[in-house]
Amino acid sequence: MTKSQKRKLFDQPQPVINRWFAIKAIRISRPYVEGTVRLFLRVKLIFQERKRSKALESALETTIKEFRKLNSSKFEELKIFSNLSLFFLIAEKDNQSVKIDALSHPDKWKRNLSLRVMLLIIHEWDMAKVAPANKLNEAYVTADISQGIRDEMTKSLRKINKAHLKAKKLLSQARHATIAHRDADAMLQYELISNLDTMETMKIAASFYEGADLFIQTLPKLMLEAGSFPSLIKQYSKHA
């Protein structure tokens, strides 16, 4: 600020001067406040996600081990459910791996990159590729899955698919430029990356996690029923 500008400022009424200094103080302190908040959030998330990470790793190992045993069997419905489980757990593990950096990494570019990775994972996560609704419903019937578990599965998958559709909409124009850098217009790439809507991305991620949590709670019950002796007999009889 020049001397003439300072004189003009101090010639103003006291409320105007106070407001100017308040705005100046906020602008100066904002990076430090935001940095402190991110640091606190990072420590909190690392602590919270540790338990979730261990649970996911355990679930992945168990699912892979059991799925390999099923490959040569005639329990086709159990294979469908196992494939669905593994498909979901892989995507969930990927998302969980970048979640902390997306929310709290001190470097803005790395936060943005993690957000883009999360969006892309949800964007590409298409349940119809793994278990179309009609195929899944047939598997429920053959495996004699209870209506309560079917309803829980439907509810969780709807929430996840809703997040998937929102991610597709948000990334429809920016998908190639923001992740794969396929667009030849470098300035367009930069603007799309810089202007990524952080709040909207986190809303989509929150919607995905809401469905994911319900899915994870329902999954063991589904696998338990599908692996019960009466259910296995029905599955074997159909495909024998």
C-alpha atoms as a PDB file:
ATOM      1  CA  MET A   1       0.000   0.000   0.000  1.00  0.00           C
ATOM      2  CA  THR A   2       1.402   3.430  -0.985  1.00  0.00           C
ATOM      3  CA  LYS A   3       1.548   6.431   1.373  1.00  0.00           C
ATOM      4  CA  SER A   4      -1.313   8.147  -0.464  1.00  0.00           C
ATOM      5  CA  GLN A   5      -3.454   5.019  -0.162  1.00  0.00           C
ATOM      6  CA  LYS A   6      -2.690   4.834   3.553  1.00  0.00           C
ATOM      7  CA  ARG A   7      -3.718   8.482   4.010  1.00  0.00           C
ATOM      8  CA  LYS A   8      -6.973   7.815   2.139  1.00  0.00           C
ATOM      9  CA  LEU A   9      -7.640   4.804   4.348  1.00  0.00           C
ATOM     10  CA  PHE A  10      -7.046   6.660   7.605  1.00  0.00           C
ATOM     11  CA  ASP A  11      -9.249   9.512   6.411  1.00  0.00           C
ATOM     12  CA  GLN A  12     -12.177   7.060   6.366  1.00  0.00           C
ATOM     13  CA  PRO A  13     -14.622   6.589   9.287  1.00  0.00           C
ATOM     14  CA  GLN A  14     -13.373   4.309  12.062  1.00  0.00           C
ATOM     15  CA  PRO A  15     -15.798   1.403  11.191  1.00  0.00           C
ATOM     16  CA  VAL A  16     -14.380   1.349   7.639  1.00  0.00           C
ATOM     17  CA  ILE A  17     -10.808   1.273   8.960  1.00  0.00           C
ATOM     18  CA  ASN A  18     -11.689  -1.523  11.406  1.00  0.00           C
ATOM     19  CA  ARG A  19     -13.334  -3.547   8.648  1.00  0.00           C
ATOM     20  CA  TRP A  20     -10.280  -3.147   6.393  1.00  0.00           C
ATOM     21  CA  PHE A  21      -7.929  -4.402   9.109  1.00  0.00           C
ATOM     22  CA  ALA A  22     -10.271  -7.287   9.926  1.00  0.00           C
ATOM     23  CA  ILE A  23     -10.340  -8.402   6.282  1.00  0.00           C
ATOM     24  CA  LYS A  24      -6.556  -8.035   6.065  1.00  0.00           C
ATOM     25  CA  ALA A  25      -6.078 -10.118   9.214  1.00  0.00           C
ATOM     26  CA  ILE A  26      -8.368 -12.863   7.884  1.00  0.00           C
ATOM     27  CA  ARG A  27      -6.489 -13.008   4.576  1.00  0.00           C
ATOM     28  CA  ILE A  28      -3.125 -13.251   6.334  1.00  0.00           C
ATOM     29  CA  SER A  29      -4.213 -15.834   8.903  1.00  0.00           C
ATOM     30  CA  ARG A  30      -6.395 -18.010   6.646  1.00  0.00           C
ATOM     31  CA  PRO A  31      -3.572 -20.229   5.266  1.00  0.00           C
ATOM     32  CA  TYR A  32      -2.299 -20.887   8.797  1.00  0.00           C
ATOM     33  CA  VAL A  33      -5.782 -21.632  10.140  1.00  0.00           C
ATOM     34  CA  GLU A  34      -6.576 -23.937   7.214  1.00  0.00           C
ATOM     35  CA  GLY A  35      -3.221 -25.671   7.620  1.00  0.00           C
ATOM     36  CA  THR A  36      -3.856 -26.249  11.325  1.00  0.00           C
ATOM     37  CA  VAL A  37      -7.344 -27.608  10.638  1.00  0.00           C
ATOM     38  CA  ARG A  38      -5.987 -29.971   7.961  1.00  0.00           C
ATOM     39  CA  LEU A  39      -3.263 -31.200  10.298  1.00  0.00           C
ATOM     40  CA  PHE A  40      -5.808 -31.917  13.029  1.00  0.00           C
ATOM     41  CA  LEU A  41      -8.102 -33.617  10.512  1.00  0.00           C
ATOM     42  CA  ARG A  42      -5.218 -35.710   9.150  1.00  0.00           C
ATOM     43  CA  VAL A  43      -4.285 -37.021  12.598  1.00  0.00           C
ATOM     44  CA  LYS A  44      -7.942 -37.769  13.339  1.00  0.00           C
ATOM     45  CA  LEU A  45      -8.493 -39.557  10.012  1.00  0.00           C
ATOM     46  CA  ILE A  46      -5.337 -41.657  10.332  1.00  0.00           C
ATOM     47  CA  PHE A  47      -6.570 -42.860  13.710  1.00  0.00           C
ATOM     48  CA  GLN A  48     -10.130 -43.490  12.468  1.00  0.00           C
ATOM     49  CA  GLU A  49      -9.154 -45.189   9.211  1.00  0.00           C
ATOM     50  CA  ARG A  50      -6.614 -47.548  10.798  1.00  0.00           C
ATOM     51  CA  LYS A  51      -9.334 -49.883  12.040  1.00  0.00           C
ATOM     52  CA  ARG A  52     -11.228 -49.699   8.747  1.00  0.00           C
ATOM     53  CA  SER A  53      -8.059 -50.441   6.787  1.00  0.00           C
ATOM     54  CA  LYS A  54      -7.320 -53.568   8.824  1.00  0.00           C
ATOM     55  CA  ALA A  55     -10.915 -54.761   8.416  1.00  0.00           C
ATOM     56  CA  LEU A  56     -10.738 -54.243   4.640  1.00  0.00           C
ATOM     57  CA  GLU A  57      -7.430 -56.082   4.339  1.00  0.00           C
ATOM     58  CA  SER A  58      -8.806 -58.983   6.353  1.00  0.00           C
ATOM     59  CA  ALA A  59     -11.991 -59.083   4.263  1.00  0.00           C
ATOM     60  CA  LEU A  60      -9.974 -58.984   1.033  1.00  0.00           C
ATOM     61  CA  GLU A  61      -7.699 -61.838   2.085  1.00  0.00           C
ATOM     62  CA  THR A  62     -10.630 -63.989   3.226  1.00  0.00           C
ATOM     63  CA  THR A  63     -12.692 -63.291   0.096  1.00  0.00           C
ATOM     64  CA  ILE A  64      -9.798 -64.074  -2.265  1.00  0.00           C
ATOM     65  CA  LYS A  65      -8.980 -67.285  -0.394  1.00  0.00           C
ATOM     66  CA  GLU A  66     -12.589 -68.524  -0.436  1.00  0.00           C
ATOM     67  CA  PHE A  67     -13.183 -67.411  -4.026  1.00  0.00           C
ATOM     68  CA  ARG A  68     -10.245 -69.482  -5.266  1.00  0.00           C
ATOM     69  CA  LYS A  69     -11.700 -72.549  -3.569  1.00  0.00           C
ATOM     70  CA  LEU A  70     -15.010 -71.986  -5.375  1.00  0.00           C
ATOM     71  CA  ASN A  71     -13.567 -71.811  -8.894  1.00  0.00           C
ATOM     72  CA  SER A  72     -13.853 -75.544  -9.546  1.00  0.00           C
ATOM     73  CA  SER A  73     -17.187 -75.978  -7.739  1.00  0.00           C
ATOM     74  CA  LYS A  74     -20.769 -75.983  -9.024  1.00  0.00           C
ATOM     75  CA  PHE A  75     -21.970 -73.354  -6.531  1.00  0.00           C
ATOM     76  CA  GLU A  76     -22.572 -70.715  -9.201  1.00  0.00           C
ATOM     77  CA  GLU A  77     -24.677 -68.402  -7.022  1.00  0.00           C
ATOM     78  CA  LEU A  78     -22.028 -68.357  -4.316  1.00  0.00           C
ATOM     79  CA  LYS A  79     -19.501 -67.494  -7.041  1.00  0.00           C
ATOM     80  CA  ILE A  80     -21.669 -64.555  -8.108  1.00  0.00           C
ATOM     81  CA  PHE A  81     -21.838 -63.233  -4.555  1.00  0.00           C
ATOM     82  CA  SER A  82     -18.097 -63.783  -4.030  1.00  0.00           C
ATOM     83  CA  ASN A  83     -17.225 -62.000  -7.269  1.00  0.00           C
ATOM     84  CA  LEU A  84     -19.504 -59.124  -6.288  1.00  0.00           C
ATOM     85  CA  SER A  85     -17.824 -58.946  -2.886  1.00  0.00           C
ATOM     86  CA  LEU A  86     -14.307 -58.943  -4.318  1.00  0.00           C
ATOM     87  CA  PHE A  87     -15.199 -56.356  -6.962  1.00  0.00           C
ATOM     88  CA  PHE A  88     -16.532 -54.047  -4.279  1.00  0.00           C
ATOM     89  CA  LEU A  89     -13.732 -54.613  -1.766  1.00  0.00           C
ATOM     90  CA  ILE A  90     -11.021 -53.791  -4.322  1.00  0.00           C
ATOM     91  CA  ALA A  91     -12.689 -50.475  -5.193  1.00  0.00           C
ATOM     92  CA  GLU A  92     -13.302 -49.723  -1.525  1.00  0.00           C
ATOM     93  CA  LYS A  93      -9.657 -50.441  -0.652  1.00  0.00           C
ATOM     94  CA  ASP A  94      -8.489 -48.102  -3.434  1.00  0.00           C
ATOM     95  CA  ASN A  95     -10.805 -45.354  -2.221  1.00  0.00           C
ATOM     96  CA  GLN A  96      -9.750 -45.854   1.365  1.00  0.00           C
ATOM     97  CA  SER A  97      -6.098 -45.555   0.326  1.00  0.00           C
ATOM     98  CA  VAL A  98      -6.524 -42.020  -1.072  1.00  0.00           C
ATOM     99  CA  LYS A  99      -9.255 -40.736   1.246  1.00  0.00           C
ATOM    100  CA  ILE A 100      -6.946 -39.236   3.889  1.00  0.00           C
ATOM    101  CA  ASP A 101      -4.822 -37.374   1.325  1.00  0.00           C
ATOM    102  CA  ALA A 102      -7.935 -36.130  -0.483  1.00  0.00           C
ATOM    103  CA  LEU A 103      -9.183 -34.495   2.703  1.00  0.00           C
ATOM    104  CA  SER A 104      -6.073 -33.419   4.529  1.00  0.00           C
ATOM    105  CA  HIS A 105      -2.797 -33.503   2.551  1.00  0.00           C
ATOM    106  CA  PRO A 106      -0.887 -30.230   3.089  1.00  0.00           C
ATOM    107  CA  ASP A 107      -0.059 -29.986  -0.628  1.00  0.00           C
ATOM    108  CA  LYS A 108      -3.026 -28.638  -2.609  1.00  0.00           C
ATOM    109  CA  TRP A 109      -2.092 -30.452  -5.840  1.00  0.00           C
ATOM    110  CA  LYS A 110      -1.834 -33.807  -4.061  1.00  0.00           C
ATOM    111  CA  ARG A 111      -5.198 -33.206  -2.367  1.00  0.00           C
ATOM    112  CA  ASN A 112      -6.693 -32.456  -5.756  1.00  0.00           C
ATOM    113  CA  LEU A 113      -5.103 -35.529  -7.364  1.00  0.00           C
ATOM    114  CA  SER A 114      -6.475 -37.768  -4.603  1.00  0.00           C
ATOM    115  CA  LEU A 115      -9.925 -36.247  -5.111  1.00  0.00           C
ATOM    116  CA  ARG A 116      -9.695 -36.988  -8.842  1.00  0.00           C
ATOM    117  CA  VAL A 117      -8.662 -40.578  -8.156  1.00  0.00           C
ATOM    118  CA  MET A 118     -11.633 -41.021  -5.802  1.00  0.00           C
ATOM    119  CA  LEU A 119     -13.994 -39.617  -8.417  1.00  0.00           C
ATOM    120  CA  LEU A 120     -12.583 -41.876 -11.126  1.00  0.00           C
ATOM    121  CA  ILE A 121     -12.903 -44.993  -8.949  1.00  0.00           C
ATOM    122  CA  ILE A 122     -16.552 -44.217  -8.217  1.00  0.00           C
ATOM    123  CA  HIS A 123     -17.100 -43.174 -11.857  1.00  0.00           C
ATOM    124  CA  GLU A 124     -15.832 -46.529 -13.190  1.00  0.00           C
ATOM    125  CA  TRP A 125     -17.500 -48.632 -10.477  1.00  0.00           C
ATOM    126  CA  ASP A 126     -20.365 -50.182 -12.453  1.00  0.00           C
ATOM    127  CA  MET A 127     -22.292 -52.932 -10.688  1.00  0.00           C
ATOM    128  CA  ALA A 128     -24.101 -53.882 -13.897  1.00  0.00           C
ATOM    129  CA  LYS A 129     -20.807 -55.252 -15.243  1.00  0.00           C
ATOM    130  CA  VAL A 130     -20.515 -57.687 -12.355  1.00  0.00           C
ATOM    131  CA  ALA A 131     -24.054 -58.596 -11.395  1.00  0.00           C
ATOM    132  CA  PRO A 132     -26.967 -57.218 -13.435  1.00  0.00           C
ATOM    133  CA  ALA A 133     -30.176 -56.878 -11.410  1.00  0.00           C
ATOM    134  CA  ASN A 134     -31.903 -59.850 -13.072  1.00  0.00           C
ATOM    135  CA  LYS A 135     -28.863 -62.109 -12.576  1.00  0.00           C
ATOM    136  CA  LEU A 136     -28.555 -61.043  -8.939  1.00  0.00           C
ATOM    137  CA  ASN A 137     -32.256 -61.644  -8.271  1.00  0.00           C
ATOM    138  CA  GLU A 138     -32.048 -65.122  -9.819  1.00  0.00           C
ATOM    139  CA  ALA A 139     -29.075 -65.877  -7.574  1.00  0.00           C
ATOM    140  CA  TYR A 140     -31.056 -64.735  -4.521  1.00  0.00           C
ATOM    141  CA  VAL A 141     -33.887 -67.114  -5.419  1.00  0.00           C
ATOM    142  CA  THR A 142     -31.679 -70.123  -6.158  1.00  0.00           C
ATOM    143  CA  ALA A 143     -29.570 -69.592  -3.022  1.00  0.00           C
ATOM    144  CA  ASP A 144     -32.746 -69.059  -0.981  1.00  0.00           C
ATOM    145  CA  ILE A 145     -31.604 -65.705   0.416  1.00  0.00           C
ATOM    146  CA  SER A 146     -34.047 -64.183   2.919  1.00  0.00           C
ATOM    147  CA  GLN A 147     -36.095 -61.139   1.911  1.00  0.00           C
ATOM    148  CA  GLY A 148     -34.587 -58.999   4.661  1.00  0.00           C
ATOM    149  CA  ILE A 149     -31.054 -59.451   3.324  1.00  0.00           C
ATOM    150  CA  ARG A 150     -32.247 -58.883  -0.248  1.00  0.00           C
ATOM    151  CA  ASP A 151     -33.797 -55.571   0.843  1.00  0.00           C
ATOM    152  CA  GLU A 152     -30.603 -54.502   2.628  1.00  0.00           C
ATOM    153  CA  MET A 153     -28.512 -55.359  -0.433  1.00  0.00           C
ATOM    154  CA  THR A 154     -30.869 -53.433  -2.709  1.00  0.00           C
ATOM    155  CA  LYS A 155     -30.754 -50.380  -0.444  1.00  0.00           C
ATOM    156  CA  SER A 156     -26.948 -50.338  -0.243  1.00  0.00           C
ATOM    157  CA  LEU A 157     -26.474 -50.868  -3.986  1.00  0.00           C
ATOM    158  CA  ARG A 158     -28.927 -48.071  -4.795  1.00  0.00           C
ATOM    159  CA  LYS A 159     -26.907 -45.647  -2.677  1.00  0.00           C
ATOM    160  CA  ILE A 160     -23.650 -46.733  -4.318  1.00  0.00           C
ATOM    161  CA  ASN A 161     -25.148 -46.543  -7.820  1.00  0.00           C
ATOM    162  CA  LYS A 162     -26.516 -43.070  -7.044  1.00  0.00           C
ATOM    163  CA  ALA A 163     -22.990 -41.912  -6.176  1.00  0.00           C
ATOM    164  CA  HIS A 164     -21.732 -43.619  -9.357  1.00  0.00           C
ATOM    165  CA  LEU A 165     -24.185 -41.650 -11.523  1.00  0.00           C
ATOM    166  CA  LYS A 166     -23.256 -38.358  -9.833  1.00  0.00           C
ATOM    167  CA  ALA A 167     -19.561 -39.051 -10.381  1.00  0.00           C
ATOM    168  CA  LYS A 168     -20.214 -39.771 -14.071  1.00  0.00           C
ATOM    169  CA  LYS A 169     -22.027 -36.452 -14.393  1.00  0.00           C
ATOM    170  CA  LEU A 170     -19.293 -34.477 -12.619  1.00  0.00           C
ATOM    171  CA  LEU A 171     -16.502 -36.120 -14.642  1.00  0.00           C
ATOM    172  CA  SER A 172     -18.327 -36.323 -17.977  1.00  0.00           C
ATOM    173  CA  GLN A 173     -16.340 -33.457 -19.537  1.00  0.00           C
ATOM    174  CA  ALA A 174     -13.180 -33.626 -17.460  1.00  0.00           C
ATOM    175  CA  ARG A 175     -12.501 -37.363 -17.267  1.00  0.00           C
ATOM    176  CA  HIS A 176      -9.693 -37.671 -19.816  1.00  0.00           C
ATOM    177  CA  ALA A 177      -8.126 -34.292 -19.112  1.00  0.00           C
ATOM    178  CA  THR A 178      -8.031 -34.553 -15.331  1.00  0.00           C
ATOM    179  CA  ILE A 179      -6.710 -38.102 -14.975  1.00  0.00           C
ATOM    180  CA  ALA A 180      -5.182 -39.446 -18.171  1.00  0.00           C
ATOM    181  CA  HIS A 181      -4.110 -36.062 -19.614  1.00  0.00           C
ATOM    182  CA  ARG A 182      -5.312 -37.078 -23.059  1.00  0.00           C
ATOM    183  CA  ASP A 183      -6.615 -33.641 -24.028  1.00  0.00           C
ATOM    184  CA  ALA A 184      -4.164 -31.730 -26.228  1.00  0.00           C
ATOM    185  CA  ASP A 185      -5.299 -28.393 -24.766  1.00  0.00           C
ATOM    186  CA  ALA A 186      -2.955 -28.017 -21.777  1.00  0.00           C
ATOM    187  CA  MET A 187      -4.660 -24.871 -20.475  1.00  0.00           C
ATOM    188  CA  LEU A 188      -8.007 -26.666 -20.521  1.00  0.00           C
ATOM    189  CA  GLN A 189      -6.425 -29.481 -18.511  1.00  0.00           C
ATOM    190  CA  TYR A 190      -5.094 -27.021 -15.950  1.00  0.00           C
ATOM    191  CA  GLU A 191      -8.398 -25.171 -15.597  1.00  0.00           C
ATOM    192  CA  LEU A 192     -10.406 -28.377 -15.228  1.00  0.00           C
ATOM    193  CA  ILE A 193      -7.996 -29.662 -12.580  1.00  0.00           C
ATOM    194  CA  SER A 194      -7.848 -26.354 -10.695  1.00  0.00           C
ATOM    195  CA  ASN A 195     -11.607 -25.826 -10.762  1.00  0.00           C
ATOM    196  CA  LEU A 196     -12.587 -29.297  -9.584  1.00  0.00           C
ATOM    197  CA  ASP A 197     -15.496 -28.862  -7.167  1.00  0.00           C
ATOM    198  CA  THR A 198     -14.060 -30.162  -3.894  1.00  0.00           C
ATOM    199  CA  MET A 199     -17.297 -29.957  -1.929  1.00  0.00           C
ATOM    200  CA  GLU A 200     -19.317 -31.723  -4.629  1.00  0.00           C
ATOM    201  CA  THR A 201     -16.654 -34.429  -4.890  1.00  0.00           C
ATOM    202  CA  MET A 202     -16.777 -35.051  -1.141  1.00  0.00           C
ATOM    203  CA  LYS A 203     -20.598 -35.179  -1.228  1.00  0.00           C
ATOM    204  CA  ILE A 204     -20.372 -37.901  -3.876  1.00  0.00           C
ATOM    205  CA  ALA A 205     -17.738 -39.744  -1.844  1.00  0.00           C
ATOM    206  CA  ALA A 206     -19.890 -39.452   1.291  1.00  0.00           C
ATOM    207  CA  SER A 207     -22.855 -40.909  -0.602  1.00  0.00           C
ATOM    208  CA  PHE A 208     -20.654 -43.777  -1.809  1.00  0.00           C
ATOM    209  CA  TYR A 209     -19.378 -44.471   1.711  1.00  0.00           C
ATOM    210  CA  GLU A 210     -22.906 -44.434   3.098  1.00  0.00           C
ATOM    211  CA  GLY A 211     -23.859 -47.211   0.695  1.00  0.00           C
ATOM    212  CA  ALA A 212     -20.505 -48.924   1.195  1.00  0.00           C
ATOM    213  CA  ASP A 213     -20.935 -49.112   4.969  1.00  0.00           C
ATOM    214  CA  LEU A 214     -24.378 -50.684   4.597  1.00  0.00           C
ATOM    215  CA  PHE A 215     -23.036 -53.088   1.954  1.00  0.00           C
ATOM    216  CA  ILE A 216     -20.175 -54.166   4.231  1.00  0.00           C
ATOM    217  CA  GLN A 217     -22.630 -54.785   7.082  1.00  0.00           C
ATOM    218  CA  THR A 218     -24.937 -56.864   4.862  1.00  0.00           C
ATOM    219  CA  LEU A 219     -22.266 -58.813   2.983  1.00  0.00           C
ATOM    220  CA  PRO A 220     -21.316 -61.278   5.771  1.00  0.00           C
ATOM    221  CA  LYS A 221     -24.987 -62.124   6.323  1.00  0.00           C
ATOM    222  CA  LEU A 222     -25.466 -62.722   2.593  1.00  0.00           C
ATOM    223  CA  MET A 223     -22.405 -64.980   2.382  1.00  0.00           C
ATOM    224  CA  LEU A 224     -23.460 -66.862   5.516  1.00  0.00           C
ATOM    225  CA  GLU A 225     -26.884 -67.677   4.062  1.00  0.00           C
ATOM    226  CA  ALA A 226     -25.460 -68.529   0.624  1.00  0.00           C
ATOM    227  CA  GLY A 227     -22.908 -70.831   2.256  1.00  0.00           C
ATOM    228  CA  SER A 228     -25.405 -72.653   4.470  1.00  0.00           C
ATOM    229  CA  PHE A 229     -25.975 -76.373   3.837  1.00  0.00           C
ATOM    230  CA  PRO A 230     -29.582 -76.023   2.508  1.00  0.00           C
ATOM    231  CA  SER A 231     -28.491 -73.216   0.161  1.00  0.00           C
ATOM    232  CA  LEU A 232     -25.490 -75.170  -1.141  1.00  0.00           C
ATOM    233  CA  ILE A 233     -27.721 -78.189  -1.831  1.00  0.00           C
ATOM    234  CA  LYS A 234     -30.094 -76.015  -3.885  1.00  0.00           C
ATOM    235  CA  GLN A 235     -27.225 -74.438  -5.826  1.00  0.00           C
ATOM    236  CA  TYR A 236     -25.581 -77.794  -6.521  1.00  0.00           C
ATOM    237  CA  SER A 237     -28.873 -79.381  -7.606  1.00  0.00           C
ATOM    238  CA  LYS A 238     -29.514 -76.640 -10.137  1.00  0.00           C
ATOM    239  CA  HIS A 239     -26.099 -76.884 -11.803  1.00  0.00           C
ATOM    240  CA  ALA A 240     -25.307 -80.599 -11.356  1.00  0.00           C
END
